[in-house]
Amino acid sequence: MPIIVKLDILLAERKVKSKDLAAHIGITEANLSLLKSGKVKGIRFGTLEAICAYLECQPADILIFTPDTDT
């Protein structure tokens, strides 16, 4: 997949627990876990905005595009 989710790395760097982030932004820990693992097809802008506000970061700190070299 050409989009890599670095949310788990960012949480570790900021010393923030997934449980705390999930509670603050209003999603379940299970959904946050799926997002962290990259197993989701999309993310709502409102959710991304809430994550960025809580972690004081930019979307590019969380999501990275890597070109697919197979095509």
Protein backbone atom coordinates (compact mmCIF):
# COMPACT_ATOMS: atom_id res chain seq x y z
CA MET A 1 0.00 0.00 0.00
CA PRO A 2 1.48 3.37 -0.96
CA ILE A 3 0.13 5.16 2.15
CA ILE A 4 1.93 4.40 5.41
CA VAL A 5 0.37 5.36 8.75
CA LYS A 6 2.95 6.47 11.33
CA LEU A 7 0.48 7.13 14.13
CA ASP A 8 1.98 4.48 16.41
CA ILE A 9 5.44 6.06 16.07
CA LEU A 10 4.05 9.52 16.77
CA LEU A 11 2.21 8.28 19.86
CA ALA A 12 5.41 6.70 21.18
CA GLU A 13 7.43 9.86 20.53
CA ARG A 14 4.82 11.97 22.32
CA LYS A 15 4.41 9.37 25.12
CA VAL A 16 0.64 9.33 24.56
CA LYS A 17 -1.41 6.19 25.17
CA SER A 18 -3.76 5.00 22.44
CA LYS A 19 -6.50 4.78 25.06
CA ASP A 20 -6.14 8.50 25.90
CA LEU A 21 -6.12 9.57 22.25
CA ALA A 22 -9.17 7.44 21.43
CA ALA A 23 -11.11 8.86 24.38
CA HIS A 24 -10.19 12.45 23.48
CA ILE A 25 -11.13 12.23 19.80
CA GLY A 26 -14.25 10.11 20.37
CA ILE A 27 -13.47 6.84 18.61
CA THR A 28 -13.11 3.35 19.99
CA GLU A 29 -9.73 1.90 20.84
CA ALA A 30 -10.45 -0.86 18.32
CA ASN A 31 -10.96 1.66 15.51
CA LEU A 32 -7.83 3.55 16.53
CA SER A 33 -5.91 0.26 16.47
CA LEU A 34 -7.14 -0.43 12.94
CA LEU A 35 -6.07 3.06 11.90
CA LYS A 36 -2.62 2.64 13.48
CA SER A 37 -2.09 -0.65 11.66
CA GLY A 38 -3.12 0.83 8.31
CA LYS A 39 -6.03 -1.60 7.92
CA VAL A 40 -8.59 1.08 7.11
CA LYS A 41 -9.66 2.29 3.68
CA GLY A 42 -10.00 5.91 4.74
CA ILE A 43 -10.14 8.44 7.53
CA ARG A 44 -12.59 11.28 8.03
CA PHE A 45 -11.09 14.75 7.93
CA GLY A 46 -12.75 15.49 11.27
CA THR A 47 -10.96 12.54 12.86
CA LEU A 48 -7.65 13.52 11.28
CA GLU A 49 -8.15 17.09 12.49
CA ALA A 50 -8.86 15.91 16.05
CA ILE A 51 -5.77 13.68 16.06
CA CYS A 52 -3.58 16.51 14.76
CA ALA A 53 -4.97 18.97 17.31
CA TYR A 54 -4.42 16.55 20.22
CA LEU A 55 -0.90 15.56 19.14
CA GLU A 56 -0.01 19.06 17.92
CA CYS A 57 1.16 17.78 14.55
CA GLN A 58 0.42 18.00 10.84
CA PRO A 59 -1.29 15.30 8.71
CA ALA A 60 2.06 14.69 6.99
CA ASP A 61 3.48 13.65 10.36
CA ILE A 62 0.95 10.80 10.43
CA LEU A 63 0.47 9.79 6.79
CA ILE A 64 3.31 9.17 4.35
CA PHE A 65 2.99 8.47 0.63
CA THR A 66 5.43 5.98 -0.88
CA PRO A 67 5.13 5.49 -4.63
CA ASP A 68 4.26 1.95 -5.69
CA THR A 69 7.26 0.78 -7.73
CA ASP A 70 5.43 -2.26 -9.16
CA THR A 71 3.43 -0.20 -11.68
